[in-house]
Every structure is written in C-alpha cells, then in structure tokens.
C-alpha cells in the first residue's frame, strides 16, 4: 500500500511540470502570432485598437489564449468596423457642413 502511494506522489509533480511546459509553449506561440499579426495590421491604412503590437504580444504572453481570443474578436471578427481606426478618426475630424464652392464643370 505504501509503495502505491509513493508512486502516485512522484507522478503528480511530473504531470505538473509537463503541464507548465506545455502552457509556456502555448503562450509563446500565441504571443508570437498575435505580435506578428498586430504588426501587419498597424501598417499603412490599418489600425489597432487600444495599444500597439508589442503590448498586444506581451498581454498574450501573460494572458494566453484568452487574450488572443479578445484580440481576434476586436481585430478580425465581424465586430470590427470595415473602416480602420485611423480613417474613422480622420472622417470624424472633418466637418460635415457643405462648402459654398460651386461645382467645377
């Protein structure tokens, strides 16, 4: 009976170590993917919400798949506006009043 308990006790830390290693690998992979995609989106004509690409990558490194899911929802799902944030900000800053200039023929 004692031998069975000792065998079980030595197996639990090994499973925990495997779990931690797999978690680290998953966090690194998702963080690298999010950072790469965020850098692509932050290029000309694009735009990121809230923070820059490196901060999204760091947040994903810490938060893992949950932060990656939030990133995807904000930037790639149908919740995202079709117009990038930079262009929306430019349109919001322009006045909507018509000009008095006559049309040019």
PDB file of N, CA and C in Angstrom:
ATOM      1  N   UNK A   1       0.822  -1.192   0.000  1.00  0.00           N
ATOM      2  CA  UNK A   1       0.000   0.000   0.000  1.00  0.00           C
ATOM      3  C   UNK A   1       0.864   1.254   0.000  1.00  0.00           C
ATOM      4  N   UNK A   2       1.933   1.265   0.785  1.00  0.00           N
ATOM      5  CA  UNK A   2       2.824   2.421   0.856  1.00  0.00           C
ATOM      6  C   UNK A   2       3.528   2.644  -0.473  1.00  0.00           C
ATOM      7  N   UNK A   3       3.883   1.590  -1.153  1.00  0.00           N
ATOM      8  CA  UNK A   3       4.579   1.719  -2.435  1.00  0.00           C
ATOM      9  C   UNK A   3       3.661   2.376  -3.473  1.00  0.00           C
ATOM     10  N   UNK A   4       2.365   2.061  -3.436  1.00  0.00           N
ATOM     11  CA  UNK A   4       1.424   2.664  -4.374  1.00  0.00           C
ATOM     12  C   UNK A   4       1.275   4.166  -4.116  1.00  0.00           C
ATOM     13  N   UNK A   5       1.238   4.554  -2.873  1.00  0.00           N
ATOM     14  CA  UNK A   5       1.115   5.969  -2.524  1.00  0.00           C
ATOM     15  C   UNK A   5       2.366   6.727  -2.943  1.00  0.00           C
ATOM     16  N   UNK A   6       3.535   6.151  -2.703  1.00  0.00           N
ATOM     17  CA  UNK A   6       4.783   6.809  -3.102  1.00  0.00           C
ATOM     18  C   UNK A   6       4.867   6.965  -4.622  1.00  0.00           C
ATOM     19  N   UNK A   7       4.425   5.969  -5.361  1.00  0.00           N
ATOM     20  CA  UNK A   7       4.438   6.045  -6.819  1.00  0.00           C
ATOM     21  C   UNK A   7       3.508   7.128  -7.325  1.00  0.00           C
ATOM     22  N   UNK A   8       2.364   7.260  -6.698  1.00  0.00           N
ATOM     23  CA  UNK A   8       1.409   8.295  -7.079  1.00  0.00           C
ATOM     24  C   UNK A   8       1.953   9.685  -6.759  1.00  0.00           C
ATOM     25  N   UNK A   9       2.601   9.812  -5.622  1.00  0.00           N
ATOM     26  CA  UNK A   9       3.143  11.104  -5.206  1.00  0.00           C
ATOM     27  C   UNK A   9       4.266  11.559  -6.133  1.00  0.00           C
ATOM     28  N   UNK A  10       5.052  10.664  -6.662  1.00  0.00           N
ATOM     29  CA  UNK A  10       6.129  11.074  -7.558  1.00  0.00           C
ATOM     30  C   UNK A  10       5.615  11.355  -8.967  1.00  0.00           C
ATOM     31  N   UNK A  11       4.448  10.812  -9.330  1.00  0.00           N
ATOM     32  CA  UNK A  11       3.888  11.058 -10.660  1.00  0.00           C
ATOM     33  C   UNK A  11       3.207  12.402 -10.775  1.00  0.00           C
ATOM     34  N   UNK A  12       2.667  12.920  -9.708  1.00  0.00           N
ATOM     35  CA  UNK A  12       1.948  14.194  -9.742  1.00  0.00           C
ATOM     36  C   UNK A  12       2.866  15.354 -10.102  1.00  0.00           C
ATOM     37  N   UNK A  13       4.024  15.494  -9.489  1.00  0.00           N
ATOM     38  CA  UNK A  13       4.904  16.601  -9.897  1.00  0.00           C
ATOM     39  C   UNK A  13       5.339  16.505 -11.366  1.00  0.00           C
ATOM     40  N   UNK A  14       5.536  15.303 -11.867  1.00  0.00           N
ATOM     41  CA  UNK A  14       5.927  15.135 -13.259  1.00  0.00           C
ATOM     42  C   UNK A  14       4.810  15.628 -14.181  1.00  0.00           C
ATOM     43  N   UNK A  15       3.554  15.312 -13.868  1.00  0.00           N
ATOM     44  CA  UNK A  15       2.431  15.802 -14.663  1.00  0.00           C
ATOM     45  C   UNK A  15       2.332  17.320 -14.584  1.00  0.00           C
ATOM     46  N   UNK A  16       2.572  17.873 -13.410  1.00  0.00           N
ATOM     47  CA  UNK A  16       2.522  19.318 -13.236  1.00  0.00           C
ATOM     48  C   UNK A  16       3.608  20.005 -14.060  1.00  0.00           C
ATOM     49  N   UNK A  17       4.800  19.447 -14.062  1.00  0.00           N
ATOM     50  CA  UNK A  17       5.907  20.014 -14.843  1.00  0.00           C
ATOM     51  C   UNK A  17       5.565  19.962 -16.335  1.00  0.00           C
ATOM     52  N   UNK A  18       4.984  18.853 -16.798  1.00  0.00           N
ATOM     53  CA  UNK A  18       4.583  18.756 -18.206  1.00  0.00           C
ATOM     54  C   UNK A  18       3.510  19.796 -18.543  1.00  0.00           C
ATOM     55  N   UNK A  19       2.563  19.991 -17.641  1.00  0.00           N
ATOM     56  CA  UNK A  19       1.507  20.988 -17.839  1.00  0.00           C
ATOM     57  C   UNK A  19       2.099  22.387 -17.936  1.00  0.00           C
ATOM     58  N   UNK A  20       3.028  22.718 -17.061  1.00  0.00           N
ATOM     59  CA  UNK A  20       3.641  24.050 -17.066  1.00  0.00           C
ATOM     60  C   UNK A  20       4.431  24.267 -18.351  1.00  0.00           C
ATOM     61  N   UNK A  21       5.171  23.269 -18.786  1.00  0.00           N
ATOM     62  CA  UNK A  21       5.965  23.391 -20.016  1.00  0.00           C
ATOM     63  C   UNK A  21       5.052  23.585 -21.226  1.00  0.00           C
ATOM     64  N   UNK A  22       3.967  22.811 -21.299  1.00  0.00           N
ATOM     65  CA  UNK A  22       3.026  22.978 -22.417  1.00  0.00           C
ATOM     66  C   UNK A  22       2.344  24.349 -22.376  1.00  0.00           C
ATOM     67  N   UNK A  23       2.030  24.827 -21.199  1.00  0.00           N
ATOM     68  CA  UNK A  23       1.421  26.148 -21.066  1.00  0.00           C
ATOM     69  C   UNK A  23       2.368  27.236 -21.547  1.00  0.00           C
ATOM     70  N   UNK A  24       3.626  27.130 -21.182  1.00  0.00           N
ATOM     71  CA  UNK A  24       4.624  28.115 -21.624  1.00  0.00           C
ATOM     72  C   UNK A  24       4.758  28.101 -23.144  1.00  0.00           C
ATOM     73  N   UNK A  25       4.798  26.917 -23.732  1.00  0.00           N
ATOM     74  CA  UNK A  25       4.923  26.801 -25.188  1.00  0.00           C
ATOM     75  C   UNK A  25       3.708  27.426 -25.875  1.00  0.00           C
ATOM     76  N   UNK A  26       2.519  27.154 -25.360  1.00  0.00           N
ATOM     77  CA  UNK A  26       1.295  27.705 -25.959  1.00  0.00           C
ATOM     78  C   UNK A  26       1.275  29.225 -25.838  1.00  0.00           C
ATOM     79  N   UNK A  27       1.642  29.746 -24.684  1.00  0.00           N
ATOM     80  CA  UNK A  27       1.662  31.204 -24.501  1.00  0.00           C
ATOM     81  C   UNK A  27       2.671  31.851 -25.443  1.00  0.00           C
ATOM     82  N   UNK A  28       3.849  31.259 -25.585  1.00  0.00           N
ATOM     83  CA  UNK A  28       4.854  31.812 -26.500  1.00  0.00           C
ATOM     84  C   UNK A  28       4.368  31.792 -27.948  1.00  0.00           C
ATOM     85  N   UNK A  29       3.735  30.683 -28.349  1.00  0.00           N
ATOM     86  CA  UNK A  29       3.262  30.565 -29.729  1.00  0.00           C
ATOM     87  C   UNK A  29       2.162  31.585 -30.023  1.00  0.00           C
ATOM     88  N   UNK A  30       1.198  31.706 -29.125  1.00  0.00           N
ATOM     89  CA  UNK A  30       0.127  32.677 -29.344  1.00  0.00           C
ATOM     90  C   UNK A  30       0.655  34.106 -29.302  1.00  0.00           C
ATOM     91  N   UNK A  31       1.570  34.396 -28.401  1.00  0.00           N
ATOM     92  CA  UNK A  31       2.131  35.748 -28.318  1.00  0.00           C
ATOM     93  C   UNK A  31       2.880  36.100 -29.598  1.00  0.00           C
ATOM     94  N   UNK A  32       3.652  35.153 -30.136  1.00  0.00           N
ATOM     95  CA  UNK A  32       4.370  35.412 -31.389  1.00  0.00           C
ATOM     96  C   UNK A  32       3.390  35.648 -32.538  1.00  0.00           C
ATOM     97  N   UNK A  33       2.335  34.857 -32.603  1.00  0.00           N
ATOM     98  CA  UNK A  33       1.344  35.016 -33.651  1.00  0.00           C
ATOM     99  C   UNK A  33       0.594  36.339 -33.557  1.00  0.00           C
ATOM    100  N   UNK A  34       0.189  36.713 -32.358  1.00  0.00           N
ATOM    101  CA  UNK A  34      -0.544  37.964 -32.170  1.00  0.00           C
ATOM    102  C   UNK A  34       0.361  39.155 -32.496  1.00  0.00           C
ATOM    103  N   UNK A  35       1.614  39.106 -32.050  1.00  0.00           N
ATOM    104  CA  UNK A  35       2.540  40.206 -32.326  1.00  0.00           C
ATOM    105  C   UNK A  35       2.762  40.372 -33.824  1.00  0.00           C
ATOM    106  N   UNK A  36       2.972  39.268 -34.527  1.00  0.00           N
ATOM    107  CA  UNK A  36       3.177  39.319 -35.980  1.00  0.00           C
ATOM    108  C   UNK A  36       1.953  39.884 -36.686  1.00  0.00           C
ATOM    109  N   UNK A  37       0.773  39.415 -36.305  1.00  0.00           N
ATOM    110  CA  UNK A  37      -0.451  39.898 -36.933  1.00  0.00           C
ATOM    111  C   UNK A  37      -0.706  41.359 -36.591  1.00  0.00           C
ATOM    112  N   UNK A  38      -0.431  41.748 -35.361  1.00  0.00           N
ATOM    113  CA  UNK A  38      -0.647  43.145 -34.953  1.00  0.00           C
ATOM    114  C   UNK A  38       0.295  44.082 -35.695  1.00  0.00           C
ATOM    115  N   UNK A  39       1.526  43.656 -35.938  1.00  0.00           N
ATOM    116  CA  UNK A  39       2.453  44.488 -36.711  1.00  0.00           C
ATOM    117  C   UNK A  39       1.963  44.638 -38.144  1.00  0.00           C
ATOM    118  N   UNK A  40       1.385  43.582 -38.693  1.00  0.00           N
ATOM    119  CA  UNK A  40       0.836  43.655 -40.043  1.00  0.00           C
ATOM    120  C   UNK A  40      -0.352  44.610 -40.080  1.00  0.00           C
ATOM    121  N   UNK A  41      -1.213  44.539 -39.078  1.00  0.00           N
ATOM    122  CA  UNK A  41      -2.393  45.410 -39.039  1.00  0.00           C
ATOM    123  C   UNK A  41      -2.039  46.866 -38.779  1.00  0.00           C
ATOM    124  N   UNK A  42      -0.949  47.123 -38.093  1.00  0.00           N
ATOM    125  CA  UNK A  42      -0.611  48.506 -37.765  1.00  0.00           C
ATOM    126  C   UNK A  42       0.078  49.222 -38.917  1.00  0.00           C
ATOM    127  N   UNK A  43       0.212  48.554 -40.038  1.00  0.00           N
ATOM    128  CA  UNK A  43       0.836  49.165 -41.209  1.00  0.00           C
ATOM    129  C   UNK A  43      -0.038  50.244 -41.819  1.00  0.00           C
ATOM    130  N   UNK A  44       0.355  50.741 -43.000  1.00  0.00           N
ATOM    131  CA  UNK A  44      -0.395  51.810 -43.663  1.00  0.00           C
ATOM    132  C   UNK A  44      -1.835  51.399 -43.946  1.00  0.00           C
ATOM    133  N   UNK A  45      -2.754  52.290 -43.616  1.00  0.00           N
ATOM    134  CA  UNK A  45      -4.165  52.034 -43.869  1.00  0.00           C
ATOM    135  C   UNK A  45      -4.833  51.152 -42.832  1.00  0.00           C
ATOM    136  N   UNK A  46      -4.078  50.611 -41.918  1.00  0.00           N
ATOM    137  CA  UNK A  46      -4.652  49.742 -40.894  1.00  0.00           C
ATOM    138  C   UNK A  46      -4.760  50.459 -39.579  1.00  0.00           C
ATOM    139  N   UNK A  47      -4.930  49.706 -38.555  1.00  0.00           N
ATOM    140  CA  UNK A  47      -5.003  50.312 -37.240  1.00  0.00           C
ATOM    141  C   UNK A  47      -5.321  49.286 -36.175  1.00  0.00           C
ATOM    142  N   UNK A  48      -4.757  49.500 -35.019  1.00  0.00           N
ATOM    143  CA  UNK A  48      -5.015  48.642 -33.873  1.00  0.00           C
ATOM    144  C   UNK A  48      -5.840  49.404 -32.855  1.00  0.00           C
ATOM    145  N   UNK A  49      -6.587  48.676 -32.078  1.00  0.00           N
ATOM    146  CA  UNK A  49      -7.382  49.277 -31.026  1.00  0.00           C
ATOM    147  C   UNK A  49      -6.630  49.152 -29.708  1.00  0.00           C
ATOM    148  N   UNK A  50      -6.752  50.159 -28.895  1.00  0.00           N
ATOM    149  CA  UNK A  50      -6.254  50.218 -27.524  1.00  0.00           C
ATOM    150  C   UNK A  50      -4.748  50.410 -27.420  1.00  0.00           C
ATOM    151  N   UNK A  51      -3.933  49.462 -27.867  1.00  0.00           N
ATOM    152  CA  UNK A  51      -2.481  49.536 -27.674  1.00  0.00           C
ATOM    153  C   UNK A  51      -1.762  49.083 -28.944  1.00  0.00           C
ATOM    154  N   UNK A  52      -0.439  49.178 -28.934  1.00  0.00           N
ATOM    155  CA  UNK A  52       0.366  48.797 -30.083  1.00  0.00           C
ATOM    156  C   UNK A  52       0.618  47.300 -30.167  1.00  0.00           C
ATOM    157  N   UNK A  53       1.317  46.872 -31.213  1.00  0.00           N
ATOM    158  CA  UNK A  53       1.546  45.448 -31.445  1.00  0.00           C
ATOM    159  C   UNK A  53       2.348  44.766 -30.342  1.00  0.00           C
ATOM    160  N   UNK A  54       3.381  45.435 -29.832  1.00  0.00           N
ATOM    161  CA  UNK A  54       4.196  44.795 -28.801  1.00  0.00           C
ATOM    162  C   UNK A  54       3.422  44.612 -27.499  1.00  0.00           C
ATOM    163  N   UNK A  55       2.537  45.549 -27.179  1.00  0.00           N
ATOM    164  CA  UNK A  55       1.734  45.408 -25.962  1.00  0.00           C
ATOM    165  C   UNK A  55       0.712  44.290 -26.115  1.00  0.00           C
ATOM    166  N   UNK A  56       0.134  44.144 -27.316  1.00  0.00           N
ATOM    167  CA  UNK A  56      -0.775  43.019 -27.545  1.00  0.00           C
ATOM    168  C   UNK A  56      -0.021  41.703 -27.383  1.00  0.00           C
ATOM    169  N   UNK A  57       1.203  41.642 -27.902  1.00  0.00           N
ATOM    170  CA  UNK A  57       2.003  40.422 -27.759  1.00  0.00           C
ATOM    171  C   UNK A  57       2.330  40.130 -26.312  1.00  0.00           C
ATOM    172  N   UNK A  58       2.709  41.160 -25.542  1.00  0.00           N
ATOM    173  CA  UNK A  58       3.027  40.972 -24.131  1.00  0.00           C
ATOM    174  C   UNK A  58       1.792  40.526 -23.347  1.00  0.00           C
ATOM    175  N   UNK A  59       0.659  41.142 -23.641  1.00  0.00           N
ATOM    176  CA  UNK A  59      -0.584  40.766 -22.957  1.00  0.00           C
ATOM    177  C   UNK A  59      -0.948  39.315 -23.254  1.00  0.00           C
ATOM    178  N   UNK A  60      -0.717  38.882 -24.492  1.00  0.00           N
ATOM    179  CA  UNK A  60      -0.999  37.499 -24.855  1.00  0.00           C
ATOM    180  C   UNK A  60      -0.014  36.553 -24.188  1.00  0.00           C
ATOM    181  N   UNK A  61       1.219  36.983 -24.037  1.00  0.00           N
ATOM    182  CA  UNK A  61       2.207  36.159 -23.337  1.00  0.00           C
ATOM    183  C   UNK A  61       1.771  35.898 -21.902  1.00  0.00           C
ATOM    184  N   UNK A  62       1.217  36.908 -21.259  1.00  0.00           N
ATOM    185  CA  UNK A  62       0.765  36.764 -19.878  1.00  0.00           C
ATOM    186  C   UNK A  62      -0.596  36.065 -19.807  1.00  0.00           C
ATOM    187  N   UNK A  63      -1.544  36.499 -20.639  1.00  0.00           N
ATOM    188  CA  UNK A  63      -2.916  36.007 -20.544  1.00  0.00           C
ATOM    189  C   UNK A  63      -3.235  34.780 -21.370  1.00  0.00           C
ATOM    190  N   UNK A  64      -2.370  34.451 -22.313  1.00  0.00           N
ATOM    191  CA  UNK A  64      -2.549  33.242 -23.099  1.00  0.00           C
ATOM    192  C   UNK A  64      -3.687  33.309 -24.100  1.00  0.00           C
ATOM    193  N   UNK A  65      -4.366  32.187 -24.226  1.00  0.00           N
ATOM    194  CA  UNK A  65      -5.377  32.027 -25.260  1.00  0.00           C
ATOM    195  C   UNK A  65      -6.562  32.967 -25.063  1.00  0.00           C
ATOM    196  N   UNK A  66      -6.834  33.373 -23.827  1.00  0.00           N
ATOM    197  CA  UNK A  66      -7.961  34.281 -23.574  1.00  0.00           C
ATOM    198  C   UNK A  66      -7.691  35.663 -24.158  1.00  0.00           C
ATOM    199  N   UNK A  67      -6.498  36.163 -23.998  1.00  0.00           N
ATOM    200  CA  UNK A  67      -6.160  37.470 -24.576  1.00  0.00           C
ATOM    201  C   UNK A  67      -6.097  37.362 -26.096  1.00  0.00           C
ATOM    202  N   UNK A  68      -5.591  36.236 -26.606  1.00  0.00           N
ATOM    203  CA  UNK A  68      -5.572  36.030 -28.055  1.00  0.00           C
ATOM    204  C   UNK A  68      -6.994  36.020 -28.615  1.00  0.00           C
ATOM    205  N   UNK A  69      -7.937  35.448 -27.871  1.00  0.00           N
ATOM    206  CA  UNK A  69      -9.334  35.438 -28.306  1.00  0.00           C
ATOM    207  C   UNK A  69      -9.918  36.851 -28.314  1.00  0.00           C
ATOM    208  N   UNK A  70      -9.590  37.642 -27.319  1.00  0.00           N
ATOM    209  CA  UNK A  70     -10.054  39.039 -27.280  1.00  0.00           C
ATOM    210  C   UNK A  70      -9.454  39.814 -28.451  1.00  0.00           C
ATOM    211  N   UNK A  71      -8.170  39.599 -28.719  1.00  0.00           N
ATOM    212  CA  UNK A  71      -7.505  40.254 -29.854  1.00  0.00           C
ATOM    213  C   UNK A  71      -8.230  39.905 -31.151  1.00  0.00           C
ATOM    214  N   UNK A  72      -8.533  38.617 -31.331  1.00  0.00           N
ATOM    215  CA  UNK A  72      -9.215  38.199 -32.553  1.00  0.00           C
ATOM    216  C   UNK A  72     -10.602  38.833 -32.644  1.00  0.00           C
ATOM    217  N   UNK A  73     -11.343  38.848 -31.546  1.00  0.00           N
ATOM    218  CA  UNK A  73     -12.683  39.452 -31.557  1.00  0.00           C
ATOM    219  C   UNK A  73     -12.631  40.915 -31.957  1.00  0.00           C
ATOM    220  N   UNK A  74     -11.652  41.634 -31.437  1.00  0.00           N
ATOM    221  CA  UNK A  74     -11.555  43.070 -31.719  1.00  0.00           C
ATOM    222  C   UNK A  74     -11.077  43.339 -33.139  1.00  0.00           C
ATOM    223  N   UNK A  75     -10.135  42.549 -33.632  1.00  0.00           N
ATOM    224  CA  UNK A  75      -9.471  42.889 -34.889  1.00  0.00           C
ATOM    225  C   UNK A  75      -9.888  42.061 -36.101  1.00  0.00           C
ATOM    226  N   UNK A  76     -10.479  40.893 -35.911  1.00  0.00           N
ATOM    227  CA  UNK A  76     -10.750  40.034 -37.071  1.00  0.00           C
ATOM    228  C   UNK A  76     -12.174  39.508 -37.159  1.00  0.00           C
ATOM    229  N   UNK A  77     -12.981  39.677 -36.149  1.00  0.00           N
ATOM    230  CA  UNK A  77     -14.348  39.157 -36.210  1.00  0.00           C
ATOM    231  C   UNK A  77     -15.262  40.173 -36.889  1.00  0.00           C
ATOM    232  N   UNK A  78     -16.506  39.833 -37.012  1.00  0.00           N
ATOM    233  CA  UNK A  78     -17.465  40.745 -37.632  1.00  0.00           C
ATOM    234  C   UNK A  78     -17.796  41.928 -36.716  1.00  0.00           C
ATOM    235  N   UNK A  79     -17.288  41.922 -35.486  1.00  0.00           N
ATOM    236  CA  UNK A  79     -17.470  43.066 -34.594  1.00  0.00           C
ATOM    237  C   UNK A  79     -16.629  44.262 -35.041  1.00  0.00           C
ATOM    238  N   UNK A  80     -15.566  43.988 -35.788  1.00  0.00           N
ATOM    239  CA  UNK A  80     -14.676  45.053 -36.240  1.00  0.00           C
ATOM    240  C   UNK A  80     -15.337  45.864 -37.352  1.00  0.00           C
ATOM    241  N   UNK A  81     -15.158  47.146 -37.278  1.00  0.00           N
ATOM    242  CA  UNK A  81     -15.648  48.022 -38.330  1.00  0.00           C
ATOM    243  C   UNK A  81     -14.859  47.757 -39.612  1.00  0.00           C
ATOM    244  N   UNK A  82     -15.496  47.946 -40.732  1.00  0.00           N
ATOM    245  CA  UNK A  82     -14.817  47.740 -42.019  1.00  0.00           C
ATOM    246  C   UNK A  82     -13.783  48.821 -42.291  1.00  0.00           C
ATOM    247  N   UNK A  83     -13.926  49.963 -41.641  1.00  0.00           N
ATOM    248  CA  UNK A  83     -13.009  51.079 -41.837  1.00  0.00           C
ATOM    249  C   UNK A  83     -11.998  51.110 -40.693  1.00  0.00           C
ATOM    250  N   UNK A  84     -10.692  51.138 -40.987  1.00  0.00           N
ATOM    251  CA  UNK A  84      -9.676  51.164 -39.932  1.00  0.00           C
ATOM    252  C   UNK A  84      -9.822  52.386 -39.033  1.00  0.00           C
ATOM    253  N   UNK A  85      -9.353  52.295 -37.784  1.00  0.00           N
ATOM    254  CA  UNK A  85      -9.498  53.401 -36.836  1.00  0.00           C
ATOM    255  C   UNK A  85      -8.877  54.704 -37.317  1.00  0.00           C
ATOM    256  N   UNK A  86      -7.740  54.638 -38.008  1.00  0.00           N
ATOM    257  CA  UNK A  86      -7.086  55.869 -38.469  1.00  0.00           C
ATOM    258  C   UNK A  86      -7.978  56.634 -39.442  1.00  0.00           C
ATOM    259  N   UNK A  87      -8.650  55.915 -40.344  1.00  0.00           N
ATOM    260  CA  UNK A  87      -9.523  56.579 -41.308  1.00  0.00           C
ATOM    261  C   UNK A  87     -10.777  57.100 -40.630  1.00  0.00           C
ATOM    262  N   UNK A  88     -11.316  56.346 -39.671  1.00  0.00           N
ATOM    263  CA  UNK A  88     -12.506  56.813 -38.945  1.00  0.00           C
ATOM    264  C   UNK A  88     -12.200  58.089 -38.188  1.00  0.00           C
ATOM    265  N   UNK A  89     -11.031  58.171 -37.576  1.00  0.00           N
ATOM    266  CA  UNK A  89     -10.644  59.382 -36.847  1.00  0.00           C
ATOM    267  C   UNK A  89     -10.513  60.563 -37.784  1.00  0.00           C
ATOM    268  N   UNK A  90      -9.979  60.349 -38.973  1.00  0.00           N
ATOM    269  CA  UNK A  90      -9.854  61.435 -39.948  1.00  0.00           C
ATOM    270  C   UNK A  90     -11.224  61.928 -40.393  1.00  0.00           C
ATOM    271  N   UNK A  91     -12.160  61.007 -40.608  1.00  0.00           N
ATOM    272  CA  UNK A  91     -13.509  61.399 -41.028  1.00  0.00           C
ATOM    273  C   UNK A  91     -14.234  62.131 -39.912  1.00  0.00           C
ATOM    274  N   UNK A  92     -13.995  61.734 -38.685  1.00  0.00           N
ATOM    275  CA  UNK A  92     -14.664  62.383 -37.552  1.00  0.00           C
ATOM    276  C   UNK A  92     -14.149  63.807 -37.364  1.00  0.00           C
ATOM    277  N   UNK A  93     -12.902  64.065 -37.705  1.00  0.00           N
ATOM    278  CA  UNK A  93     -12.316  65.394 -37.540  1.00  0.00           C
ATOM    279  C   UNK A  93     -12.731  66.361 -38.642  1.00  0.00           C
ATOM    280  N   UNK A  94     -13.187  65.836 -39.768  1.00  0.00           N
ATOM    281  CA  UNK A  94     -13.613  66.709 -40.868  1.00  0.00           C
ATOM    282  C   UNK A  94     -15.023  67.213 -40.586  1.00  0.00           C
ATOM    283  N   UNK A  95     -15.287  68.443 -40.985  1.00  0.00           N
ATOM    284  CA  UNK A  95     -16.624  68.991 -40.749  1.00  0.00           C
ATOM    285  C   UNK A  95     -17.588  68.409 -41.770  1.00  0.00           C
ATOM    286  N   UNK A  96     -18.829  68.261 -41.364  1.00  0.00           N
ATOM    287  CA  UNK A  96     -19.841  67.708 -42.255  1.00  0.00           C
ATOM    288  C   UNK A  96     -20.649  68.794 -42.942  1.00  0.00           C
ATOM    289  N   UNK A  97     -20.281  70.060 -42.750  1.00  0.00           N
ATOM    290  CA  UNK A  97     -21.000  71.161 -43.381  1.00  0.00           C
ATOM    291  C   UNK A  97     -20.614  71.258 -44.853  1.00  0.00           C
ATOM    292  N   UNK A  98     -21.600  71.496 -45.713  1.00  0.00           N
ATOM    293  CA  UNK A  98     -21.278  71.606 -47.138  1.00  0.00           C
ATOM    294  C   UNK A  98     -20.514  72.914 -47.413  1.00  0.00           C
ATOM    295  N   UNK A  99     -19.683  72.850 -48.400  1.00  0.00           N
ATOM    296  CA  UNK A  99     -18.920  74.046 -48.790  1.00  0.00           C
ATOM    297  C   UNK A  99     -19.749  74.878 -49.745  1.00  0.00           C
ATOM    298  N   UNK A 100     -19.435  76.151 -49.834  1.00  0.00           N
ATOM    299  CA  UNK A 100     -20.159  77.061 -50.732  1.00  0.00           C
ATOM    300  C   UNK A 100     -19.495  77.192 -52.079  1.00  0.00           C
ATOM    301  N   UNK A 101     -18.539  76.371 -52.346  1.00  0.00           N
ATOM    302  CA  UNK A 101     -17.851  76.433 -53.634  1.00  0.00           C
ATOM    303  C   UNK A 101     -18.746  75.844 -54.726  1.00  0.00           C
ATOM    304  N   UNK A 102     -18.861  76.517 -55.858  1.00  0.00           N
ATOM    305  CA  UNK A 102     -19.682  75.985 -56.950  1.00  0.00           C
ATOM    306  C   UNK A 102     -18.967  74.803 -57.592  1.00  0.00           C
ATOM    307  N   UNK A 103     -19.725  73.874 -58.145  1.00  0.00           N
ATOM    308  CA  UNK A 103     -19.088  72.717 -58.804  1.00  0.00           C
ATOM    309  C   UNK A 103     -18.313  73.160 -60.031  1.00  0.00           C
ATOM    310  N   UNK A 104     -17.233  72.503 -60.277  1.00  0.00           N
ATOM    311  CA  UNK A 104     -16.388  72.806 -61.444  1.00  0.00           C
ATOM    312  C   UNK A 104     -16.812  71.927 -62.586  1.00  0.00           C
ATOM    313  N   UNK A 105     -17.109  72.577 -63.777  1.00  0.00           N
ATOM    314  CA  UNK A 105     -17.526  71.806 -64.958  1.00  0.00           C
ATOM    315  C   UNK A 105     -16.360  71.506 -65.842  1.00  0.00           C
TER     316      UNK A 105
END
